[in-house]
Amino acid sequence: MALTKISNQSLSSITSLPATIPAGALTLISTQTASSSASISFTSGIDSTYDSYIFKFINIHPATDNANFSFQADTGTNTNYNQTITSTYFASYQTEDGSTAALQYVSGQIQHQGTAFQTLVDAVGNGNDESCSGTLQIFQPSSSTFVKHFIARSHGYNGSDYSTDLFCAGYINTATAITRVQFKFSSGNTDSGIIKFYGVG
C-alpha cells in the first residue's frame, strides 16, 4: 500500500473512508452528570454490540470526606446490584508535603466471592478542590459462558491530602449476561462529576 505525503495541509488525496469502525475505537453511548446523586446507574446500552465497555469517571466529588467511590453490576432487570466479585487492589501514594510515600497491596479493598460494591478509589476527599477520576473497563458482559473480567485505573485526591494512584481488577463471577452497572460512594451522595459510557469497537 502506497503512502501519500500531505505537504500543504490538504486532505484532497483521501479518496475513501474505512467501511467499518477501526478496532479499538470508542463509541460514546451515554453520559451522566451527578448532582447530589445517591447513585449513578447505567441501565441500557450494555449488550452484545461490543466486546468490552469503558466507563470514564471525571472529577467525581463526594459529599462525605474520605468516602470510597465504588461500582457493582446486575443482570436482566434486577436492581439489587449484589453480584459476586473476586478482586485485587493496590495503590501508590504520595503526600503533598512529601513526608510519606509507598506502594502497597490494600487488603481492605479486595473481595473474595463478596457481593459488596467494589471500591475503585478509596478515601476521596470532599474539599472544594478534591475529587477522583479514572477508567473502568468490563469485558464481554453479555457472555453466557465466561465470568465478566474488569480492570480499573484511577487517581484520587485523598481526604488526608494524598495523591493516590490506584489499580483494581477482578471478575464478576456469573455466566449470566450483565446488563446494568451502578456507581456510588460508600457514604453520602455524589455532589458532582461526569461519567461517560463507551463501547469499544
Foldseek 3Di string as FASTA:
>chain_A
DDDDDDDPPDPVVDDDDDPDDDFFDKDFDDKDKDAQAQKDKDQADQAQPFQKKKKKWFFFAFPDFFWFKFKFFDADPDDPRFFFKFKWKWKWKAAPVRPDTDTGTDVVQGHDRGRDTHGQGTGWGRPPPWGKIWMKMWGRLQALPAWIKMKIWMWGCHNNRMTMTMIMIITRPHSHHTRMMMIHIPDGGRNIIMMIMIGGD
